[in-house]
């Protein structure tokens, strides 16, 4: 299943703490913050809340061995 961000994209005055989840049991979430498409070889393995302290787009994908990759989630944040 497509990853879900705990904070929706949008414009915020303050830093945001964003958690990623997926309903796919046993899946790993990989994410990027530089606009590129995340994968097991491009991106960071999600391990805890992401601090968004500057404008960026978080893109995330759920991967599970033996399963089809999830669609890519994209949430854009404007900080300041």
PDB file of N, CA and C in Angstrom:
ATOM      1  N   UNK A   1       0.837  -1.192   0.000  1.00  0.00           N
ATOM      2  CA  UNK A   1       0.000   0.000   0.000  1.00  0.00           C
ATOM      3  C   UNK A   1       0.877   1.250   0.000  1.00  0.00           C
ATOM      4  N   UNK A   2       0.389   2.296  -0.612  1.00  0.00           N
ATOM      5  CA  UNK A   2       1.116   3.559  -0.673  1.00  0.00           C
ATOM      6  C   UNK A   2       1.379   4.094   0.731  1.00  0.00           C
ATOM      7  N   UNK A   3       2.597   4.521   1.008  1.00  0.00           N
ATOM      8  CA  UNK A   3       2.882   5.122   2.320  1.00  0.00           C
ATOM      9  C   UNK A   3       2.013   6.357   2.564  1.00  0.00           C
ATOM     10  N   UNK A   4       1.777   6.631   3.845  1.00  0.00           N
ATOM     11  CA  UNK A   4       0.983   7.789   4.249  1.00  0.00           C
ATOM     12  C   UNK A   4       1.823   8.631   5.204  1.00  0.00           C
ATOM     13  N   UNK A   5       1.803   9.955   5.001  1.00  0.00           N
ATOM     14  CA  UNK A   5       2.524  10.878   5.879  1.00  0.00           C
ATOM     15  C   UNK A   5       1.592  11.353   6.978  1.00  0.00           C
ATOM     16  N   UNK A   6       2.138  11.480   8.191  1.00  0.00           N
ATOM     17  CA  UNK A   6       1.333  11.924   9.334  1.00  0.00           C
ATOM     18  C   UNK A   6       0.979  13.403   9.252  1.00  0.00           C
ATOM     19  N   UNK A   7       1.734  14.152   8.469  1.00  0.00           N
ATOM     20  CA  UNK A   7       1.470  15.577   8.259  1.00  0.00           C
ATOM     21  C   UNK A   7       1.294  15.793   6.761  1.00  0.00           C
ATOM     22  N   UNK A   8       0.145  16.316   6.373  1.00  0.00           N
ATOM     23  CA  UNK A   8      -0.108  16.569   4.955  1.00  0.00           C
ATOM     24  C   UNK A   8       0.798  17.671   4.445  1.00  0.00           C
ATOM     25  N   UNK A   9       1.141  17.581   3.174  1.00  0.00           N
ATOM     26  CA  UNK A   9       1.932  18.631   2.563  1.00  0.00           C
ATOM     27  C   UNK A   9       1.199  19.960   2.636  1.00  0.00           C
ATOM     28  N   UNK A  10       1.957  21.047   2.599  1.00  0.00           N
ATOM     29  CA  UNK A  10       1.363  22.373   2.659  1.00  0.00           C
ATOM     30  C   UNK A  10       2.358  23.384   3.157  1.00  0.00           C
ATOM     31  N   UNK A  11       1.858  24.570   3.482  1.00  0.00           N
ATOM     32  CA  UNK A  11       2.705  25.651   3.981  1.00  0.00           C
ATOM     33  C   UNK A  11       2.595  25.722   5.499  1.00  0.00           C
ATOM     34  N   UNK A  12       3.746  25.754   6.161  1.00  0.00           N
ATOM     35  CA  UNK A  12       3.803  25.786   7.617  1.00  0.00           C
ATOM     36  C   UNK A  12       4.806  26.835   8.072  1.00  0.00           C
ATOM     37  N   UNK A  13       4.505  27.492   9.193  1.00  0.00           N
ATOM     38  CA  UNK A  13       5.413  28.480   9.761  1.00  0.00           C
ATOM     39  C   UNK A  13       6.601  27.817  10.460  1.00  0.00           C
ATOM     40  N   UNK A  14       6.349  26.668  11.091  1.00  0.00           N
ATOM     41  CA  UNK A  14       7.370  26.003  11.903  1.00  0.00           C
ATOM     42  C   UNK A  14       7.776  24.666  11.302  1.00  0.00           C
ATOM     43  N   UNK A  15       8.919  24.143  11.794  1.00  0.00           N
ATOM     44  CA  UNK A  15       9.381  22.817  11.390  1.00  0.00           C
ATOM     45  C   UNK A  15       8.282  21.794  11.652  1.00  0.00           C
ATOM     46  N   UNK A  16       8.270  20.746  10.853  1.00  0.00           N
ATOM     47  CA  UNK A  16       7.281  19.682  11.014  1.00  0.00           C
ATOM     48  C   UNK A  16       7.992  18.354  11.258  1.00  0.00           C
ATOM     49  N   UNK A  17       7.368  17.513  12.073  1.00  0.00           N
ATOM     50  CA  UNK A  17       7.866  16.164  12.317  1.00  0.00           C
ATOM     51  C   UNK A  17       6.915  15.213  11.587  1.00  0.00           C
ATOM     52  N   UNK A  18       7.440  14.540  10.571  1.00  0.00           N
ATOM     53  CA  UNK A  18       6.611  13.724   9.690  1.00  0.00           C
ATOM     54  C   UNK A  18       6.924  12.243   9.893  1.00  0.00           C
ATOM     55  N   UNK A  19       5.891  11.473  10.180  1.00  0.00           N
ATOM     56  CA  UNK A  19       6.040  10.028  10.293  1.00  0.00           C
ATOM     57  C   UNK A  19       5.411   9.376   9.068  1.00  0.00           C
ATOM     58  N   UNK A  20       6.033   8.298   8.609  1.00  0.00           N
ATOM     59  CA  UNK A  20       5.524   7.561   7.453  1.00  0.00           C
ATOM     60  C   UNK A  20       5.046   6.192   7.888  1.00  0.00           C
ATOM     61  N   UNK A  21       3.901   5.767   7.366  1.00  0.00           N
ATOM     62  CA  UNK A  21       3.370   4.439   7.662  1.00  0.00           C
ATOM     63  C   UNK A  21       2.847   3.803   6.379  1.00  0.00           C
ATOM     64  N   UNK A  22       2.710   2.481   6.414  1.00  0.00           N
ATOM     65  CA  UNK A  22       2.075   1.752   5.320  1.00  0.00           C
ATOM     66  C   UNK A  22       1.270   0.615   5.938  1.00  0.00           C
ATOM     67  N   UNK A  23       0.179   0.271   5.294  1.00  0.00           N
ATOM     68  CA  UNK A  23      -0.637  -0.831   5.811  1.00  0.00           C
ATOM     69  C   UNK A  23      -0.138  -2.187   5.329  1.00  0.00           C
ATOM     70  N   UNK A  24       0.920  -2.194   4.514  1.00  0.00           N
ATOM     71  CA  UNK A  24       1.500  -3.447   4.035  1.00  0.00           C
ATOM     72  C   UNK A  24       2.390  -4.034   5.119  1.00  0.00           C
ATOM     73  N   UNK A  25       1.942  -5.128   5.730  1.00  0.00           N
ATOM     74  CA  UNK A  25       2.689  -5.766   6.818  1.00  0.00           C
ATOM     75  C   UNK A  25       4.034  -6.274   6.303  1.00  0.00           C
ATOM     76  N   UNK A  26       5.085  -5.934   7.016  1.00  0.00           N
ATOM     77  CA  UNK A  26       6.418  -6.420   6.660  1.00  0.00           C
ATOM     78  C   UNK A  26       7.128  -5.610   5.597  1.00  0.00           C
ATOM     79  N   UNK A  27       6.506  -4.535   5.129  1.00  0.00           N
ATOM     80  CA  UNK A  27       7.135  -3.714   4.087  1.00  0.00           C
ATOM     81  C   UNK A  27       8.106  -2.721   4.705  1.00  0.00           C
ATOM     82  N   UNK A  28       9.141  -2.370   3.955  1.00  0.00           N
ATOM     83  CA  UNK A  28      10.078  -1.322   4.327  1.00  0.00           C
ATOM     84  C   UNK A  28       9.740  -0.080   3.526  1.00  0.00           C
ATOM     85  N   UNK A  29       9.877   1.076   4.153  1.00  0.00           N
ATOM     86  CA  UNK A  29       9.615   2.345   3.472  1.00  0.00           C
ATOM     87  C   UNK A  29      10.945   3.036   3.193  1.00  0.00           C
ATOM     88  N   UNK A  30      11.130   3.420   1.950  1.00  0.00           N
ATOM     89  CA  UNK A  30      12.293   4.212   1.553  1.00  0.00           C
ATOM     90  C   UNK A  30      11.789   5.582   1.113  1.00  0.00           C
ATOM     91  N   UNK A  31      12.552   6.630   1.444  1.00  0.00           N
ATOM     92  CA  UNK A  31      12.106   7.969   1.082  1.00  0.00           C
ATOM     93  C   UNK A  31      13.264   8.825   0.589  1.00  0.00           C
ATOM     94  N   UNK A  32      12.898   9.861  -0.168  1.00  0.00           N
ATOM     95  CA  UNK A  32      13.854  10.873  -0.608  1.00  0.00           C
ATOM     96  C   UNK A  32      13.270  12.245  -0.276  1.00  0.00           C
ATOM     97  N   UNK A  33      14.155  13.219  -0.202  1.00  0.00           N
ATOM     98  CA  UNK A  33      13.730  14.599   0.049  1.00  0.00           C
ATOM     99  C   UNK A  33      14.289  15.539  -1.011  1.00  0.00           C
ATOM    100  N   UNK A  34      14.834  14.965  -2.084  1.00  0.00           N
ATOM    101  CA  UNK A  34      15.463  15.779  -3.128  1.00  0.00           C
ATOM    102  C   UNK A  34      14.718  15.724  -4.458  1.00  0.00           C
ATOM    103  N   UNK A  35      13.499  15.172  -4.432  1.00  0.00           N
ATOM    104  CA  UNK A  35      12.687  15.134  -5.641  1.00  0.00           C
ATOM    105  C   UNK A  35      12.860  13.899  -6.494  1.00  0.00           C
ATOM    106  N   UNK A  36      13.861  13.061  -6.182  1.00  0.00           N
ATOM    107  CA  UNK A  36      14.063  11.856  -6.975  1.00  0.00           C
ATOM    108  C   UNK A  36      13.120  10.749  -6.515  1.00  0.00           C
ATOM    109  N   UNK A  37      12.947   9.744  -7.369  1.00  0.00           N
ATOM    110  CA  UNK A  37      12.071   8.626  -7.050  1.00  0.00           C
ATOM    111  C   UNK A  37      12.778   7.676  -6.101  1.00  0.00           C
ATOM    112  N   UNK A  38      12.140   7.377  -4.967  1.00  0.00           N
ATOM    113  CA  UNK A  38      12.781   6.480  -3.996  1.00  0.00           C
ATOM    114  C   UNK A  38      12.749   5.024  -4.438  1.00  0.00           C
ATOM    115  N   UNK A  39      13.765   4.280  -4.005  1.00  0.00           N
ATOM    116  CA  UNK A  39      13.844   2.835  -4.261  1.00  0.00           C
ATOM    117  C   UNK A  39      14.785   2.256  -3.214  1.00  0.00           C
ATOM    118  N   UNK A  40      15.000   0.961  -3.266  1.00  0.00           N
ATOM    119  CA  UNK A  40      15.910   0.327  -2.312  1.00  0.00           C
ATOM    120  C   UNK A  40      17.348   0.801  -2.517  1.00  0.00           C
ATOM    121  N   UNK A  41      17.647   1.308  -3.708  1.00  0.00           N
ATOM    122  CA  UNK A  41      19.007   1.766  -4.001  1.00  0.00           C
ATOM    123  C   UNK A  41      19.108   3.282  -4.090  1.00  0.00           C
ATOM    124  N   UNK A  42      17.992   3.976  -3.998  1.00  0.00           N
ATOM    125  CA  UNK A  42      17.994   5.444  -4.043  1.00  0.00           C
ATOM    126  C   UNK A  42      17.065   5.963  -2.961  1.00  0.00           C
ATOM    127  N   UNK A  43      17.658   6.417  -1.899  1.00  0.00           N
ATOM    128  CA  UNK A  43      16.832   6.939  -0.821  1.00  0.00           C
ATOM    129  C   UNK A  43      17.310   6.433   0.518  1.00  0.00           C
ATOM    130  N   UNK A  44      16.554   6.777   1.539  1.00  0.00           N
ATOM    131  CA  UNK A  44      16.880   6.446   2.919  1.00  0.00           C
ATOM    132  C   UNK A  44      15.823   5.498   3.459  1.00  0.00           C
ATOM    133  N   UNK A  45      16.268   4.443   4.142  1.00  0.00           N
ATOM    134  CA  UNK A  45      15.320   3.535   4.786  1.00  0.00           C
ATOM    135  C   UNK A  45      14.686   4.260   5.961  1.00  0.00           C
ATOM    136  N   UNK A  46      13.377   4.339   5.977  1.00  0.00           N
ATOM    137  CA  UNK A  46      12.675   5.052   7.043  1.00  0.00           C
ATOM    138  C   UNK A  46      12.825   4.299   8.357  1.00  0.00           C
ATOM    139  N   UNK A  47      13.214   5.041   9.404  1.00  0.00           N
ATOM    140  CA  UNK A  47      13.389   4.403  10.706  1.00  0.00           C
ATOM    141  C   UNK A  47      12.780   5.215  11.842  1.00  0.00           C
ATOM    142  N   UNK A  48      12.229   6.375  11.526  1.00  0.00           N
ATOM    143  CA  UNK A  48      11.630   7.222  12.552  1.00  0.00           C
ATOM    144  C   UNK A  48      11.255   8.568  11.973  1.00  0.00           C
ATOM    145  N   UNK A  49      10.639   9.387  12.788  1.00  0.00           N
ATOM    146  CA  UNK A  49      10.116  10.681  12.332  1.00  0.00           C
ATOM    147  C   UNK A  49      11.167  11.497  11.581  1.00  0.00           C
ATOM    148  N   UNK A  50      10.731  12.150  10.517  1.00  0.00           N
ATOM    149  CA  UNK A  50      11.590  12.993   9.685  1.00  0.00           C
ATOM    150  C   UNK A  50      11.324  14.446  10.065  1.00  0.00           C
ATOM    151  N   UNK A  51      12.364  15.177  10.403  1.00  0.00           N
ATOM    152  CA  UNK A  51      12.209  16.597  10.701  1.00  0.00           C
ATOM    153  C   UNK A  51      12.309  17.378   9.401  1.00  0.00           C
ATOM    154  N   UNK A  52      11.237  18.090   9.077  1.00  0.00           N
ATOM    155  CA  UNK A  52      11.213  18.926   7.878  1.00  0.00           C
ATOM    156  C   UNK A  52      11.431  20.361   8.350  1.00  0.00           C
ATOM    157  N   UNK A  53      12.655  20.875   8.121  1.00  0.00           N
ATOM    158  CA  UNK A  53      12.994  22.208   8.602  1.00  0.00           C
ATOM    159  C   UNK A  53      13.280  23.183   7.465  1.00  0.00           C
ATOM    160  N   UNK A  54      13.064  22.733   6.238  1.00  0.00           N
ATOM    161  CA  UNK A  54      13.169  23.604   5.078  1.00  0.00           C
ATOM    162  C   UNK A  54      12.229  23.073   4.007  1.00  0.00           C
ATOM    163  N   UNK A  55      11.884  23.908   3.074  1.00  0.00           N
ATOM    164  CA  UNK A  55      10.942  23.508   2.032  1.00  0.00           C
ATOM    165  C   UNK A  55      11.507  22.338   1.235  1.00  0.00           C
ATOM    166  N   UNK A  56      10.670  21.339   1.015  1.00  0.00           N
ATOM    167  CA  UNK A  56      11.106  20.151   0.284  1.00  0.00           C
ATOM    168  C   UNK A  56       9.888  19.311  -0.087  1.00  0.00           C
ATOM    169  N   UNK A  57      10.136  18.272  -0.833  1.00  0.00           N
ATOM    170  CA  UNK A  57       9.111  17.274  -1.135  1.00  0.00           C
ATOM    171  C   UNK A  57       9.607  15.939  -0.601  1.00  0.00           C
ATOM    172  N   UNK A  58       8.789  15.293   0.206  1.00  0.00           N
ATOM    173  CA  UNK A  58       9.107  13.933   0.641  1.00  0.00           C
ATOM    174  C   UNK A  58       8.405  12.983  -0.317  1.00  0.00           C
ATOM    175  N   UNK A  59       9.184  12.076  -0.884  1.00  0.00           N
ATOM    176  CA  UNK A  59       8.624  11.028  -1.744  1.00  0.00           C
ATOM    177  C   UNK A  59       8.954   9.703  -1.072  1.00  0.00           C
ATOM    178  N   UNK A  60       7.983   8.794  -1.003  1.00  0.00           N
ATOM    179  CA  UNK A  60       8.192   7.537  -0.283  1.00  0.00           C
ATOM    180  C   UNK A  60       7.547   6.378  -1.028  1.00  0.00           C
ATOM    181  N   UNK A  61       8.145   5.203  -0.855  1.00  0.00           N
ATOM    182  CA  UNK A  61       7.647   3.976  -1.479  1.00  0.00           C
ATOM    183  C   UNK A  61       7.751   2.850  -0.463  1.00  0.00           C
ATOM    184  N   UNK A  62       6.797   1.939  -0.508  1.00  0.00           N
ATOM    185  CA  UNK A  62       6.835   0.751   0.357  1.00  0.00           C
ATOM    186  C   UNK A  62       7.294  -0.435  -0.480  1.00  0.00           C
ATOM    187  N   UNK A  63       8.293  -1.155   0.030  1.00  0.00           N
ATOM    188  CA  UNK A  63       8.859  -2.302  -0.677  1.00  0.00           C
ATOM    189  C   UNK A  63       8.782  -3.543   0.206  1.00  0.00           C
ATOM    190  N   UNK A  64       8.370  -4.648  -0.393  1.00  0.00           N
ATOM    191  CA  UNK A  64       8.324  -5.916   0.323  1.00  0.00           C
ATOM    192  C   UNK A  64       8.754  -7.005  -0.640  1.00  0.00           C
ATOM    193  N   UNK A  65       9.698  -7.820  -0.218  1.00  0.00           N
ATOM    194  CA  UNK A  65      10.205  -8.896  -1.069  1.00  0.00           C
ATOM    195  C   UNK A  65       9.060  -9.789  -1.520  1.00  0.00           C
ATOM    196  N   UNK A  66       9.009 -10.071  -2.811  1.00  0.00           N
ATOM    197  CA  UNK A  66       7.983 -10.937  -3.352  1.00  0.00           C
ATOM    198  C   UNK A  66       6.684 -10.236  -3.690  1.00  0.00           C
ATOM    199  N   UNK A  67       6.626  -8.930  -3.422  1.00  0.00           N
ATOM    200  CA  UNK A  67       5.419  -8.158  -3.717  1.00  0.00           C
ATOM    201  C   UNK A  67       5.736  -7.044  -4.713  1.00  0.00           C
ATOM    202  N   UNK A  68       4.690  -6.538  -5.330  1.00  0.00           N
ATOM    203  CA  UNK A  68       4.843  -5.402  -6.241  1.00  0.00           C
ATOM    204  C   UNK A  68       5.100  -4.148  -5.411  1.00  0.00           C
ATOM    205  N   UNK A  69       5.990  -3.284  -5.878  1.00  0.00           N
ATOM    206  CA  UNK A  69       6.266  -2.027  -5.179  1.00  0.00           C
ATOM    207  C   UNK A  69       5.005  -1.179  -5.112  1.00  0.00           C
ATOM    208  N   UNK A  70       4.870  -0.429  -4.037  1.00  0.00           N
ATOM    209  CA  UNK A  70       3.714   0.454  -3.897  1.00  0.00           C
ATOM    210  C   UNK A  70       3.836   1.632  -4.856  1.00  0.00           C
ATOM    211  N   UNK A  71       2.728   2.339  -5.079  1.00  0.00           N
ATOM    212  CA  UNK A  71       2.843   3.627  -5.772  1.00  0.00           C
ATOM    213  C   UNK A  71       3.677   4.577  -4.910  1.00  0.00           C
ATOM    214  N   UNK A  72       4.256   5.594  -5.520  1.00  0.00           N
ATOM    215  CA  UNK A  72       5.078   6.561  -4.791  1.00  0.00           C
ATOM    216  C   UNK A  72       4.189   7.661  -4.215  1.00  0.00           C
ATOM    217  N   UNK A  73       4.346   7.915  -2.917  1.00  0.00           N
ATOM    218  CA  UNK A  73       3.664   9.014  -2.243  1.00  0.00           C
ATOM    219  C   UNK A  73       4.527  10.263  -2.391  1.00  0.00           C
ATOM    220  N   UNK A  74       3.898  11.411  -2.634  1.00  0.00           N
ATOM    221  CA  UNK A  74       4.614  12.682  -2.666  1.00  0.00           C
ATOM    222  C   UNK A  74       3.852  13.700  -1.832  1.00  0.00           C
ATOM    223  N   UNK A  75       4.553  14.317  -0.885  1.00  0.00           N
ATOM    224  CA  UNK A  75       3.992  15.402  -0.091  1.00  0.00           C
ATOM    225  C   UNK A  75       4.995  16.561  -0.141  1.00  0.00           C
ATOM    226  N   UNK A  76       4.514  17.736  -0.536  1.00  0.00           N
ATOM    227  CA  UNK A  76       5.380  18.913  -0.640  1.00  0.00           C
ATOM    228  C   UNK A  76       5.142  19.849   0.542  1.00  0.00           C
ATOM    229  N   UNK A  77       6.243  20.285   1.149  1.00  0.00           N
ATOM    230  CA  UNK A  77       6.178  21.153   2.330  1.00  0.00           C
ATOM    231  C   UNK A  77       6.873  22.476   2.042  1.00  0.00           C
ATOM    232  N   UNK A  78       6.228  23.558   2.460  1.00  0.00           N
ATOM    233  CA  UNK A  78       6.823  24.884   2.373  1.00  0.00           C
ATOM    234  C   UNK A  78       6.960  25.371   3.819  1.00  0.00           C
ATOM    235  N   UNK A  79       8.188  25.576   4.242  1.00  0.00           N
ATOM    236  CA  UNK A  79       8.468  25.986   5.627  1.00  0.00           C
ATOM    237  C   UNK A  79       8.902  27.449   5.645  1.00  0.00           C
ATOM    238  N   UNK A  80       8.304  28.221   6.531  1.00  0.00           N
ATOM    239  CA  UNK A  80       8.684  29.618   6.646  1.00  0.00           C
ATOM    240  C   UNK A  80       7.528  30.461   6.371  1.00  0.00           C
TER     241      UNK A  80
END
